[in-house]
Each structure stands twice: as C-alpha cells, then as structure tokens.
Full PDB file with SEQRES, HELIX, SHEET, SSBOND, CRYST1, ORIGX, SCALE, CONECT and MASTER records, all heavy atoms in Angstrom:
SEQRES   1 A   43  SER THR ASP ASP ILE THR PHE ARG ASN ASN ASN TYR TYR          
SEQRES   2 A   43  GLY VAL SER SER ASN ALA GLY LEU THR GLY PRO ASP LEU          
SEQRES   3 A   43  LEU SER LEU ASN SER ASN LEU ASP SER ASN ARG ASN TYR          
SEQRES   4 A   43  SER PHE SER ASP                                              
HELIX    1 AA1 GLY A   23  SER A   28  5                                   6    
SHEET    1 AA1 2 ASN A  10  TYR A  13  0                                        
SHEET    2 AA1 2 ASN A  30  LEU A  33 -1                                        
CRYST1    1.000    1.000    1.000  90.00  90.00  90.00 P 1           1          
ORIGX1      1.000000  0.000000  0.000000        0.00000                         
ORIGX2      0.000000  1.000000  0.000000        0.00000                         
ORIGX3      0.000000  0.000000  1.000000        0.00000                         
SCALE1      1.000000  0.000000  0.000000        0.00000                         
SCALE2      0.000000  1.000000  0.000000        0.00000                         
SCALE3      0.000000  0.000000  1.000000        0.00000                         
ATOM      1  N   SER A   1     113.565  47.358  84.160  1.00  0.00           N  
ATOM      2  CA  SER A   1     112.270  47.702  84.722  1.00  0.00           C  
ATOM      3  C   SER A   1     111.820  49.007  84.074  1.00  0.00           C  
ATOM      4  O   SER A   1     112.631  49.922  83.919  1.00  0.00           O  
ATOM      5  CB  SER A   1     112.345  47.840  86.244  1.00  0.00           C  
ATOM      6  OG  SER A   1     111.080  48.169  86.760  1.00  0.00           O  
ATOM      7  N   THR A   2     110.573  49.075  83.693  1.00  0.00           N  
ATOM      8  CA  THR A   2     110.038  50.247  83.012  1.00  0.00           C  
ATOM      9  C   THR A   2     108.888  50.832  83.826  1.00  0.00           C  
ATOM     10  O   THR A   2     108.075  50.092  84.378  1.00  0.00           O  
ATOM     11  CB  THR A   2     109.551  49.863  81.599  1.00  0.00           C  
ATOM     12  OG1 THR A   2     110.641  49.347  80.873  1.00  0.00           O  
ATOM     13  CG2 THR A   2     108.994  51.074  80.862  1.00  0.00           C  
ATOM     14  N   ASP A   3     108.812  52.166  83.874  1.00  0.00           N  
ATOM     15  CA  ASP A   3     107.708  52.829  84.568  1.00  0.00           C  
ATOM     16  C   ASP A   3     107.381  54.122  83.828  1.00  0.00           C  
ATOM     17  O   ASP A   3     108.264  54.769  83.252  1.00  0.00           O  
ATOM     18  CB  ASP A   3     108.088  53.140  86.009  1.00  0.00           C  
ATOM     19  CG  ASP A   3     106.861  53.382  86.902  1.00  0.00           C  
ATOM     20  OD1 ASP A   3     105.731  53.242  86.427  1.00  0.00           O  
ATOM     21  OD2 ASP A   3     107.075  53.726  88.071  1.00  0.00           O  
ATOM     22  N   ASP A   4     106.111  54.484  83.836  1.00  0.00           N  
ATOM     23  CA  ASP A   4     105.654  55.737  83.245  1.00  0.00           C  
ATOM     24  C   ASP A   4     105.411  56.758  84.353  1.00  0.00           C  
ATOM     25  O   ASP A   4     104.867  56.424  85.410  1.00  0.00           O  
ATOM     26  CB  ASP A   4     104.331  55.548  82.492  1.00  0.00           C  
ATOM     27  CG  ASP A   4     104.478  54.737  81.233  1.00  0.00           C  
ATOM     28  OD1 ASP A   4     105.557  54.800  80.604  1.00  0.00           O  
ATOM     29  OD2 ASP A   4     103.504  54.041  80.857  1.00  0.00           O  
ATOM     30  N   ILE A   5     105.787  57.969  84.098  1.00  0.00           N  
ATOM     31  CA  ILE A   5     105.480  59.093  85.006  1.00  0.00           C  
ATOM     32  C   ILE A   5     104.509  59.991  84.242  1.00  0.00           C  
ATOM     33  O   ILE A   5     104.819  60.468  83.138  1.00  0.00           O  
ATOM     34  CB  ILE A   5     106.736  59.887  85.382  1.00  0.00           C  
ATOM     35  CG1 ILE A   5     107.794  58.981  86.008  1.00  0.00           C  
ATOM     36  CG2 ILE A   5     106.380  61.057  86.289  1.00  0.00           C  
ATOM     37  CD1 ILE A   5     107.374  58.340  87.302  1.00  0.00           C  
ATOM     38  N   THR A   6     103.326  60.206  84.799  1.00  0.00           N  
ATOM     39  CA  THR A   6     102.309  61.058  84.175  1.00  0.00           C  
ATOM     40  C   THR A   6     102.347  62.414  84.871  1.00  0.00           C  
ATOM     41  O   THR A   6     102.369  62.511  86.095  1.00  0.00           O  
ATOM     42  CB  THR A   6     100.901  60.436  84.327  1.00  0.00           C  
ATOM     43  OG1 THR A   6     100.918  59.149  83.731  1.00  0.00           O  
ATOM     44  CG2 THR A   6      99.865  61.303  83.661  1.00  0.00           C  
ATOM     45  N   PHE A   7     102.369  63.476  84.075  1.00  0.00           N  
ATOM     46  CA  PHE A   7     102.450  64.829  84.607  1.00  0.00           C  
ATOM     47  C   PHE A   7     101.061  65.435  84.725  1.00  0.00           C  
ATOM     48  O   PHE A   7     100.284  65.413  83.773  1.00  0.00           O  
ATOM     49  CB  PHE A   7     103.341  65.701  83.701  1.00  0.00           C  
ATOM     50  CG  PHE A   7     104.791  65.318  83.802  1.00  0.00           C  
ATOM     51  CD1 PHE A   7     105.284  64.225  83.127  1.00  0.00           C  
ATOM     52  CD2 PHE A   7     105.643  66.052  84.606  1.00  0.00           C  
ATOM     53  CE1 PHE A   7     106.612  63.854  83.228  1.00  0.00           C  
ATOM     54  CE2 PHE A   7     106.979  65.705  84.726  1.00  0.00           C  
ATOM     55  CZ  PHE A   7     107.469  64.591  84.025  1.00  0.00           C  
ATOM     56  N   ARG A   8     100.775  65.974  85.902  1.00  0.00           N  
ATOM     57  CA  ARG A   8      99.490  66.621  86.182  1.00  0.00           C  
ATOM     58  C   ARG A   8      99.783  67.932  86.910  1.00  0.00           C  
ATOM     59  O   ARG A   8     100.866  68.143  87.425  1.00  0.00           O  
ATOM     60  CB  ARG A   8      98.627  65.730  87.068  1.00  0.00           C  
ATOM     61  CG  ARG A   8      98.234  64.435  86.400  1.00  0.00           C  
ATOM     62  CD  ARG A   8      97.227  63.671  87.277  1.00  0.00           C  
ATOM     63  NE  ARG A   8      96.714  62.535  86.553  1.00  0.00           N  
ATOM     64  CZ  ARG A   8      97.180  61.302  86.669  1.00  0.00           C  
ATOM     65  NH1 ARG A   8      98.189  61.063  87.479  1.00  0.00           N  
ATOM     66  NH2 ARG A   8      96.658  60.315  85.988  1.00  0.00           N  
ATOM     67  N   ASN A   9      98.768  68.763  86.964  1.00  0.00           N  
ATOM     68  CA  ASN A   9      98.841  70.003  87.744  1.00  0.00           C  
ATOM     69  C   ASN A   9      98.165  69.801  89.085  1.00  0.00           C  
ATOM     70  O   ASN A   9      97.273  68.971  89.238  1.00  0.00           O  
ATOM     71  CB  ASN A   9      98.183  71.157  87.004  1.00  0.00           C  
ATOM     72  CG  ASN A   9      99.166  71.969  86.209  1.00  0.00           C  
ATOM     73  OD1 ASN A   9     100.335  72.034  86.548  1.00  0.00           O  
ATOM     74  ND2 ASN A   9      98.700  72.597  85.157  1.00  0.00           N  
ATOM     75  N   ASN A  10      98.558  70.615  90.052  1.00  0.00           N  
ATOM     76  CA  ASN A  10      97.959  70.564  91.385  1.00  0.00           C  
ATOM     77  C   ASN A  10      96.549  71.124  91.391  1.00  0.00           C  
ATOM     78  O   ASN A  10      96.207  71.993  90.597  1.00  0.00           O  
ATOM     79  CB  ASN A  10      98.803  71.401  92.367  1.00  0.00           C  
ATOM     80  CG  ASN A  10     100.084  70.711  92.773  1.00  0.00           C  
ATOM     81  OD1 ASN A  10     100.116  69.517  92.938  1.00  0.00           O  
ATOM     82  ND2 ASN A  10     101.127  71.489  92.945  1.00  0.00           N  
ATOM     83  N   ASN A  11      95.791  70.657  92.366  1.00  0.00           N  
ATOM     84  CA  ASN A  11      94.559  71.323  92.808  1.00  0.00           C  
ATOM     85  C   ASN A  11      95.002  72.098  94.051  1.00  0.00           C  
ATOM     86  O   ASN A  11      95.917  71.684  94.754  1.00  0.00           O  
ATOM     87  CB  ASN A  11      93.473  70.309  93.162  1.00  0.00           C  
ATOM     88  CG  ASN A  11      93.013  69.502  91.981  1.00  0.00           C  
ATOM     89  OD1 ASN A  11      93.345  69.803  90.834  1.00  0.00           O  
ATOM     90  ND2 ASN A  11      92.232  68.470  92.218  1.00  0.00           N  
ATOM     91  N   TYR A  12      94.334  73.204  94.349  1.00  0.00           N  
ATOM     92  CA  TYR A  12      94.731  74.065  95.465  1.00  0.00           C  
ATOM     93  C   TYR A  12      93.548  74.284  96.408  1.00  0.00           C  
ATOM     94  O   TYR A  12      92.402  74.406  95.964  1.00  0.00           O  
ATOM     95  CB  TYR A  12      95.224  75.419  94.969  1.00  0.00           C  
ATOM     96  CG  TYR A  12      96.462  75.325  94.112  1.00  0.00           C  
ATOM     97  CD1 TYR A  12      96.373  75.219  92.726  1.00  0.00           C  
ATOM     98  CD2 TYR A  12      97.729  75.334  94.682  1.00  0.00           C  
ATOM     99  CE1 TYR A  12      97.509  75.119  91.933  1.00  0.00           C  
ATOM    100  CE2 TYR A  12      98.873  75.228  93.899  1.00  0.00           C  
ATOM    101  CZ  TYR A  12      98.761  75.128  92.534  1.00  0.00           C  
ATOM    102  OH  TYR A  12      99.878  75.018  91.767  1.00  0.00           O  
ATOM    103  N   TYR A  13      93.853  74.381  97.706  1.00  0.00           N  
ATOM    104  CA  TYR A  13      92.811  74.643  98.706  1.00  0.00           C  
ATOM    105  C   TYR A  13      93.436  75.376  99.880  1.00  0.00           C  
ATOM    106  O   TYR A  13      94.642  75.315 100.111  1.00  0.00           O  
ATOM    107  CB  TYR A  13      92.163  73.331  99.164  1.00  0.00           C  
ATOM    108  CG  TYR A  13      93.105  72.409  99.876  1.00  0.00           C  
ATOM    109  CD1 TYR A  13      93.162  72.390 101.264  1.00  0.00           C  
ATOM    110  CD2 TYR A  13      93.976  71.574  99.175  1.00  0.00           C  
ATOM    111  CE1 TYR A  13      94.069  71.557 101.924  1.00  0.00           C  
ATOM    112  CE2 TYR A  13      94.851  70.724  99.834  1.00  0.00           C  
ATOM    113  CZ  TYR A  13      94.890  70.722 101.195  1.00  0.00           C  
ATOM    114  OH  TYR A  13      95.779  69.912 101.857  1.00  0.00           O  
ATOM    115  N   GLY A  14      92.602  76.088 100.616  1.00  0.00           N  
ATOM    116  CA  GLY A  14      93.067  76.777 101.809  1.00  0.00           C  
ATOM    117  C   GLY A  14      92.273  78.027 102.086  1.00  0.00           C  
ATOM    118  O   GLY A  14      91.221  78.251 101.482  1.00  0.00           O  
ATOM    119  N   VAL A  15      92.784  78.822 103.012  1.00  0.00           N  
ATOM    120  CA  VAL A  15      92.104  80.064 103.392  1.00  0.00           C  
ATOM    121  C   VAL A  15      92.967  81.267 103.031  1.00  0.00           C  
ATOM    122  O   VAL A  15      94.191  81.175 102.973  1.00  0.00           O  
ATOM    123  CB  VAL A  15      91.765  80.095 104.913  1.00  0.00           C  
ATOM    124  CG1 VAL A  15      90.832  78.952 105.272  1.00  0.00           C  
ATOM    125  CG2 VAL A  15      93.012  80.041 105.746  1.00  0.00           C  
ATOM    126  N   SER A  16      92.299  82.373 102.774  1.00  0.00           N  
ATOM    127  CA  SER A  16      92.992  83.632 102.486  1.00  0.00           C  
ATOM    128  C   SER A  16      92.078  84.791 102.841  1.00  0.00           C  
ATOM    129  O   SER A  16      90.857  84.705 102.696  1.00  0.00           O  
ATOM    130  CB  SER A  16      93.355  83.698 100.993  1.00  0.00           C  
ATOM    131  OG  SER A  16      93.952  84.955 100.710  1.00  0.00           O  
ATOM    132  N   SER A  17      92.683  85.881 103.283  1.00  0.00           N  
ATOM    133  CA  SER A  17      91.928  87.111 103.523  1.00  0.00           C  
ATOM    134  C   SER A  17      91.738  87.903 102.232  1.00  0.00           C  
ATOM    135  O   SER A  17      91.001  88.875 102.234  1.00  0.00           O  
ATOM    136  CB  SER A  17      92.637  87.964 104.581  1.00  0.00           C  
ATOM    137  OG  SER A  17      93.933  88.284 104.167  1.00  0.00           O  
ATOM    138  N   ASN A  18      92.389  87.479 101.162  1.00  0.00           N  
ATOM    139  CA  ASN A  18      92.205  88.111  99.849  1.00  0.00           C  
ATOM    140  C   ASN A  18      90.858  87.639  99.295  1.00  0.00           C  
ATOM    141  O   ASN A  18      90.651  86.438  99.092  1.00  0.00           O  
ATOM    142  CB  ASN A  18      93.344  87.695  98.917  1.00  0.00           C  
ATOM    143  CG  ASN A  18      93.279  88.334  97.550  1.00  0.00           C  
ATOM    144  OD1 ASN A  18      92.217  88.749  97.095  1.00  0.00           O  
ATOM    145  ND2 ASN A  18      94.409  88.380  96.876  1.00  0.00           N  
ATOM    146  N   ALA A  19      89.961  88.565  99.029  1.00  0.00           N  
ATOM    147  CA  ALA A  19      88.604  88.207  98.588  1.00  0.00           C  
ATOM    148  C   ALA A  19      88.541  87.861  97.099  1.00  0.00           C  
ATOM    149  O   ALA A  19      87.481  87.484  96.609  1.00  0.00           O  
ATOM    150  CB  ALA A  19      87.636  89.335  98.901  1.00  0.00           C  
ATOM    151  N   GLY A  20      89.642  87.990  96.376  1.00  0.00           N  
ATOM    152  CA  GLY A  20      89.605  87.721  94.939  1.00  0.00           C  
ATOM    153  C   GLY A  20      90.889  87.107  94.411  1.00  0.00           C  
ATOM    154  O   GLY A  20      91.548  87.683  93.540  1.00  0.00           O  
ATOM    155  N   LEU A  21      91.277  85.947  94.918  1.00  0.00           N  
ATOM    156  CA  LEU A  21      92.497  85.310  94.451  1.00  0.00           C  
ATOM    157  C   LEU A  21      92.485  85.126  92.942  1.00  0.00           C  
ATOM    158  O   LEU A  21      91.430  84.840  92.365  1.00  0.00           O  
ATOM    159  CB  LEU A  21      92.693  83.930  95.092  1.00  0.00           C  
ATOM    160  CG  LEU A  21      93.015  83.867  96.575  1.00  0.00           C  
ATOM    161  CD1 LEU A  21      93.238  82.399  96.993  1.00  0.00           C  
ATOM    162  CD2 LEU A  21      94.234  84.688  96.923  1.00  0.00           C  
ATOM    163  N   THR A  22      93.643  85.280  92.327  1.00  0.00           N  
ATOM    164  CA  THR A  22      93.797  85.025  90.887  1.00  0.00           C  
ATOM    165  C   THR A  22      94.787  83.885  90.715  1.00  0.00           C  
ATOM    166  O   THR A  22      95.345  83.362  91.686  1.00  0.00           O  
ATOM    167  CB  THR A  22      94.310  86.305  90.167  1.00  0.00           C  
ATOM    168  OG1 THR A  22      95.589  86.654  90.699  1.00  0.00           O  
ATOM    169  CG2 THR A  22      93.330  87.448  90.318  1.00  0.00           C  
ATOM    170  N   GLY A  23      95.058  83.513  89.457  1.00  0.00           N  
ATOM    171  CA  GLY A  23      95.945  82.389  89.153  1.00  0.00           C  
ATOM    172  C   GLY A  23      97.268  82.434  89.892  1.00  0.00           C  
ATOM    173  O   GLY A  23      97.657  81.432  90.509  1.00  0.00           O  
ATOM    174  N   PRO A  24      98.013  83.549  89.864  1.00  0.00           N  
ATOM    175  CA  PRO A  24      99.315  83.575  90.544  1.00  0.00           C  
ATOM    176  C   PRO A  24      99.213  83.386  92.060  1.00  0.00           C  
ATOM    177  O   PRO A  24     100.126  82.880  92.697  1.00  0.00           O  
ATOM    178  CB  PRO A  24      99.879  84.954  90.212  1.00  0.00           C  
ATOM    179  CG  PRO A  24      99.186  85.343  88.946  1.00  0.00           C  
ATOM    180  CD  PRO A  24      97.811  84.747  89.037  1.00  0.00           C  
ATOM    181  N   ASP A  25      98.067  83.762  92.647  1.00  0.00           N  
ATOM    182  CA  ASP A  25      97.886  83.647  94.100  1.00  0.00           C  
ATOM    183  C   ASP A  25      97.704  82.214  94.565  1.00  0.00           C  
ATOM    184  O   ASP A  25      97.858  81.925  95.754  1.00  0.00           O  
ATOM    185  CB  ASP A  25      96.662  84.450  94.552  1.00  0.00           C  
ATOM    186  CG  ASP A  25      96.739  85.927  94.192  1.00  0.00           C  
ATOM    187  OD1 ASP A  25      97.822  86.509  94.350  1.00  0.00           O  
ATOM    188  OD2 ASP A  25      95.711  86.484  93.750  1.00  0.00           O  
ATOM    189  N   LEU A  26      97.395  81.307  93.659  1.00  0.00           N  
ATOM    190  CA  LEU A  26      97.111  79.919  94.058  1.00  0.00           C  
ATOM    191  C   LEU A  26      98.336  79.273  94.716  1.00  0.00           C  
ATOM    192  O   LEU A  26      98.177  78.391  95.577  1.00  0.00           O  
ATOM    193  CB  LEU A  26      96.662  79.103  92.861  1.00  0.00           C  
ATOM    194  CG  LEU A  26      95.350  79.543  92.202  1.00  0.00           C  
ATOM    195  CD1 LEU A  26      95.016  78.646  91.031  1.00  0.00           C  
ATOM    196  CD2 LEU A  26      94.216  79.564  93.235  1.00  0.00           C  
ATOM    197  N   LEU A  27      99.529  79.694  94.341  1.00  0.00           N  
ATOM    198  CA  LEU A  27     100.738  79.092  94.915  1.00  0.00           C  
ATOM    199  C   LEU A  27     100.846  79.343  96.415  1.00  0.00           C  
ATOM    200  O   LEU A  27     101.637  78.681  97.089  1.00  0.00           O  
ATOM    201  CB  LEU A  27     101.981  79.602  94.185  1.00  0.00           C  
ATOM    202  CG  LEU A  27     102.071  79.191  92.704  1.00  0.00           C  
ATOM    203  CD1 LEU A  27     103.249  79.875  92.021  1.00  0.00           C  
ATOM    204  CD2 LEU A  27     102.155  77.680  92.564  1.00  0.00           C  
ATOM    205  N   SER A  28     100.059  80.267  96.954  1.00  0.00           N  
ATOM    206  CA  SER A  28     100.088  80.540  98.400  1.00  0.00           C  
ATOM    207  C   SER A  28      99.216  79.560  99.183  1.00  0.00           C  
ATOM    208  O   SER A  28      99.259  79.538 100.407  1.00  0.00           O  
ATOM    209  CB  SER A  28      99.646  81.978  98.682  1.00  0.00           C  
ATOM    210  OG  SER A  28      98.251  82.131  98.381  1.00  0.00           O  
ATOM    211  N   LEU A  29      98.420  78.739  98.495  1.00  0.00           N  
ATOM    212  CA  LEU A  29      97.516  77.796  99.142  1.00  0.00           C  
ATOM    213  C   LEU A  29      98.167  76.417  99.250  1.00  0.00           C  
ATOM    214  O   LEU A  29      99.226  76.157  98.686  1.00  0.00           O  
ATOM    215  CB  LEU A  29      96.214  77.672  98.337  1.00  0.00           C  
ATOM    216  CG  LEU A  29      95.404  78.953  98.153  1.00  0.00           C  
ATOM    217  CD1 LEU A  29      94.193  78.693  97.246  1.00  0.00           C  
ATOM    218  CD2 LEU A  29      94.957  79.523  99.502  1.00  0.00           C  
ATOM    219  N   ASN A  30      97.512  75.514  99.992  1.00  0.00           N  
ATOM    220  CA  ASN A  30      97.920  74.109 100.042  1.00  0.00           C  
ATOM    221  C   ASN A  30      97.616  73.475  98.679  1.00  0.00           C  
ATOM    222  O   ASN A  30      96.760  73.963  97.944  1.00  0.00           O  
ATOM    223  CB  ASN A  30      97.138  73.359 101.127  1.00  0.00           C  
ATOM    224  CG  ASN A  30      97.372  73.950 102.502  1.00  0.00           C  
ATOM    225  OD1 ASN A  30      98.499  74.201 102.880  1.00  0.00           O  
ATOM    226  ND2 ASN A  30      96.302  74.180 103.226  1.00  0.00           N  
ATOM    227  N   SER A  31      98.278  72.374  98.383  1.00  0.00           N  
ATOM    228  CA  SER A  31      98.024  71.725  97.103  1.00  0.00           C  
ATOM    229  C   SER A  31      97.982  70.216  97.234  1.00  0.00           C  
ATOM    230  O   SER A  31      98.543  69.649  98.152  1.00  0.00           O  
ATOM    231  CB  SER A  31      99.097  72.122  96.086  1.00  0.00           C  
ATOM    232  OG  SER A  31     100.369  71.666  96.514  1.00  0.00           O  
ATOM    233  N   ASN A  32      97.269  69.593  96.313  1.00  0.00           N  
ATOM    234  CA  ASN A  32      97.270  68.139  96.178  1.00  0.00           C  
ATOM    235  C   ASN A  32      97.296  67.821  94.690  1.00  0.00           C  
ATOM    236  O   ASN A  32      96.754  68.542  93.868  1.00  0.00           O  
ATOM    237  CB  ASN A  32      96.069  67.479  96.880  1.00  0.00           C  
ATOM    238  CG  ASN A  32      94.755  67.773  96.182  1.00  0.00           C  
ATOM    239  OD1 ASN A  32      94.382  68.923  96.006  1.00  0.00           O  
ATOM    240  ND2 ASN A  32      94.055  66.746  95.797  1.00  0.00           N  
ATOM    241  N   LEU A  33      97.973  66.744  94.368  1.00  0.00           N  
ATOM    242  CA  LEU A  33      98.121  66.331  92.970  1.00  0.00           C  
ATOM    243  C   LEU A  33      97.067  65.272  92.685  1.00  0.00           C  
ATOM    244  O   LEU A  33      96.992  64.252  93.376  1.00  0.00           O  
ATOM    245  CB  LEU A  33      99.508  65.758  92.746  1.00  0.00           C  
ATOM    246  CG  LEU A  33      99.968  65.554  91.330  1.00  0.00           C  
ATOM    247  CD1 LEU A  33      99.906  66.843  90.541  1.00  0.00           C  
ATOM    248  CD2 LEU A  33     101.388  65.009  91.324  1.00  0.00           C  
ATOM    249  N   ASP A  34      96.213  65.527  91.689  1.00  0.00           N  
ATOM    250  CA  ASP A  34      95.128  64.595  91.404  1.00  0.00           C  
ATOM    251  C   ASP A  34      94.783  64.680  89.924  1.00  0.00           C  
ATOM    252  O   ASP A  34      95.204  65.588  89.224  1.00  0.00           O  
ATOM    253  CB  ASP A  34      93.904  64.924  92.257  1.00  0.00           C  
ATOM    254  CG  ASP A  34      93.087  63.694  92.595  1.00  0.00           C  
ATOM    255  OD1 ASP A  34      93.120  62.722  91.822  1.00  0.00           O  
ATOM    256  OD2 ASP A  34      92.409  63.708  93.620  1.00  0.00           O  
ATOM    257  N   SER A  35      93.987  63.717  89.463  1.00  0.00           N  
ATOM    258  CA  SER A  35      93.575  63.696  88.073  1.00  0.00           C  
ATOM    259  C   SER A  35      92.109  64.083  87.902  1.00  0.00           C  
ATOM    260  O   SER A  35      91.521  63.865  86.856  1.00  0.00           O  
ATOM    261  CB  SER A  35      93.800  62.281  87.483  1.00  0.00           C  
ATOM    262  OG  SER A  35      93.024  61.354  88.216  1.00  0.00           O  
ATOM    263  N   ASN A  36      91.505  64.663  88.943  1.00  0.00           N  
ATOM    264  CA  ASN A  36      90.123  65.118  88.890  1.00  0.00           C  
ATOM    265  C   ASN A  36      89.898  66.204  89.946  1.00  0.00           C  
ATOM    266  O   ASN A  36      90.821  66.559  90.657  1.00  0.00           O  
ATOM    267  CB  ASN A  36      89.159  63.944  89.081  1.00  0.00           C  
ATOM    268  CG  ASN A  36      89.340  63.261  90.419  1.00  0.00           C  
ATOM    269  OD1 ASN A  36      89.156  63.850  91.467  1.00  0.00           O  
ATOM    270  ND2 ASN A  36      89.759  61.985  90.381  1.00  0.00           N  
ATOM    271  N   ARG A  37      88.687  66.711  90.038  1.00  0.00           N  
ATOM    272  CA  ARG A  37      88.392  67.809  90.973  1.00  0.00           C  
ATOM    273  C   ARG A  37      87.928  67.324  92.350  1.00  0.00           C  
ATOM    274  O   ARG A  37      87.830  68.100  93.292  1.00  0.00           O  
ATOM    275  CB  ARG A  37      87.344  68.735  90.378  1.00  0.00           C  
ATOM    276  CG  ARG A  37      85.991  68.073  90.238  1.00  0.00           C  
ATOM    277  CD  ARG A  37      84.922  68.991  89.629  1.00  0.00           C  
ATOM    278  NE  ARG A  37      83.702  68.281  89.461  1.00  0.00           N  
ATOM    279  CZ  ARG A  37      83.325  67.684  88.337  1.00  0.00           C  
ATOM    280  NH1 ARG A  37      84.087  67.740  87.267  1.00  0.00           N  
ATOM    281  NH2 ARG A  37      82.185  67.043  88.289  1.00  0.00           N  
ATOM    282  N   ASN A  38      87.613  66.055  92.490  1.00  0.00           N  
ATOM    283  CA  ASN A  38      87.032  65.526  93.729  1.00  0.00           C  
ATOM    284  C   ASN A  38      88.031  65.554  94.873  1.00  0.00           C  
ATOM    285  O   ASN A  38      89.155  65.070  94.728  1.00  0.00           O  
ATOM    286  CB  ASN A  38      86.539  64.094  93.527  1.00  0.00           C  
ATOM    287  CG  ASN A  38      85.508  64.000  92.415  1.00  0.00           C  
ATOM    288  OD1 ASN A  38      84.818  64.965  92.101  1.00  0.00           O  
ATOM    289  ND2 ASN A  38      85.412  62.841  91.795  1.00  0.00           N  
ATOM    290  N   TYR A  39      87.595  66.125  95.989  1.00  0.00           N  
ATOM    291  CA  TYR A  39      88.493  66.214  97.152  1.00  0.00           C  
ATOM    292  C   TYR A  39      87.689  66.577  98.394  1.00  0.00           C  
ATOM    293  O   TYR A  39      86.657  67.268  98.282  1.00  0.00           O  
ATOM    294  CB  TYR A  39      89.570  67.267  96.893  1.00  0.00           C  
ATOM    295  CG  TYR A  39      90.744  67.202  97.835  1.00  0.00           C  
ATOM    296  CD1 TYR A  39      91.559  66.093  97.903  1.00  0.00           C  
ATOM    297  CD2 TYR A  39      91.045  68.276  98.673  1.00  0.00           C  
ATOM    298  CE1 TYR A  39      92.646  66.035  98.771  1.00  0.00           C  
ATOM    299  CE2 TYR A  39      92.131  68.236  99.515  1.00  0.00           C  
ATOM    300  CZ  TYR A  39      92.928  67.109  99.562  1.00  0.00           C  
ATOM    301  OH  TYR A  39      94.008  67.058 100.413  1.00  0.00           O  
ATOM    302  N   SER A  40      88.136  66.143  99.549  1.00  0.00           N  
ATOM    303  CA  SER A  40      87.540  66.538 100.823  1.00  0.00           C  
ATOM    304  C   SER A  40      88.646  67.100 101.685  1.00  0.00           C  
ATOM    305  O   SER A  40      89.738  66.532 101.742  1.00  0.00           O  
ATOM    306  CB  SER A  40      86.924  65.315 101.523  1.00  0.00           C  
ATOM    307  OG  SER A  40      85.882  64.781 100.763  1.00  0.00           O  
ATOM    308  N   PHE A  41      88.356  68.224 102.346  1.00  0.00           N  
ATOM    309  CA  PHE A  41      89.336  68.825 103.221  1.00  0.00           C  
ATOM    310  C   PHE A  41      88.647  69.630 104.313  1.00  0.00           C  
ATOM    311  O   PHE A  41      87.470  69.985 104.186  1.00  0.00           O  
ATOM    312  CB  PHE A  41      90.307  69.728 102.443  1.00  0.00           C  
ATOM    313  CG  PHE A  41      89.684  70.934 101.790  1.00  0.00           C  
ATOM    314  CD1 PHE A  41      89.726  72.182 102.410  1.00  0.00           C  
ATOM    315  CD2 PHE A  41      89.052  70.831 100.560  1.00  0.00           C  
ATOM    316  CE1 PHE A  41      89.161  73.302 101.808  1.00  0.00           C  
ATOM    317  CE2 PHE A  41      88.479  71.937  99.941  1.00  0.00           C  
ATOM    318  CZ  PHE A  41      88.547  73.168 100.567  1.00  0.00           C  
ATOM    319  N   SER A  42      89.353  69.870 105.383  1.00  0.00           N  
ATOM    320  CA  SER A  42      88.870  70.716 106.473  1.00  0.00           C  
ATOM    321  C   SER A  42      89.778  71.918 106.575  1.00  0.00           C  
ATOM    322  O   SER A  42      90.995  71.796 106.396  1.00  0.00           O  
ATOM    323  CB  SER A  42      88.853  69.951 107.798  1.00  0.00           C  
ATOM    324  OG  SER A  42      87.931  68.901 107.758  1.00  0.00           O  
ATOM    325  N   ASP A  43      89.191  73.056 106.843  1.00  0.00           N  
ATOM    326  CA  ASP A  43      89.971  74.264 107.025  1.00  0.00           C  
ATOM    327  C   ASP A  43      89.325  75.118 108.081  1.00  0.00           C  
ATOM    328  O   ASP A  43      88.156  74.891 108.477  1.00  0.00           O  
ATOM    329  CB  ASP A  43      90.090  75.052 105.712  1.00  0.00           C  
ATOM    330  CG  ASP A  43      91.553  75.279 105.331  1.00  0.00           C  
ATOM    331  OD1 ASP A  43      92.346  75.611 106.231  1.00  0.00           O  
ATOM    332  OD2 ASP A  43      91.876  75.109 104.168  1.00  0.00           O  
TER     333      ASP A  43                                                      
MASTER        0    0    0    1    2    0    0    6  332    1    0    4          
END                                                                             
C-alpha cells in the first residue's frame, strides 16, 4: 500500500495582549494545518 504525506505549515489564530506579535510569537497561538488562508473561528 502506498501513500503520500504532504508537508505544510500551520495557520495560527488566537488572542494576545501583545499588540505587535512577530514570527516567533505565533507558536503561542492556536494552530490549524491547511493548504490555504480560508478559516472561520470564534475567540
């Protein structure tokens, strides 16, 4: 049986009191793995 695994990066969402998150700060947020930017969430 053969299967392909495709590697993607996470999209991130959530709340923070930091008014200027940068790239390293994204790991503190929630994440979802997707192949586009479209997403719906509540916070």
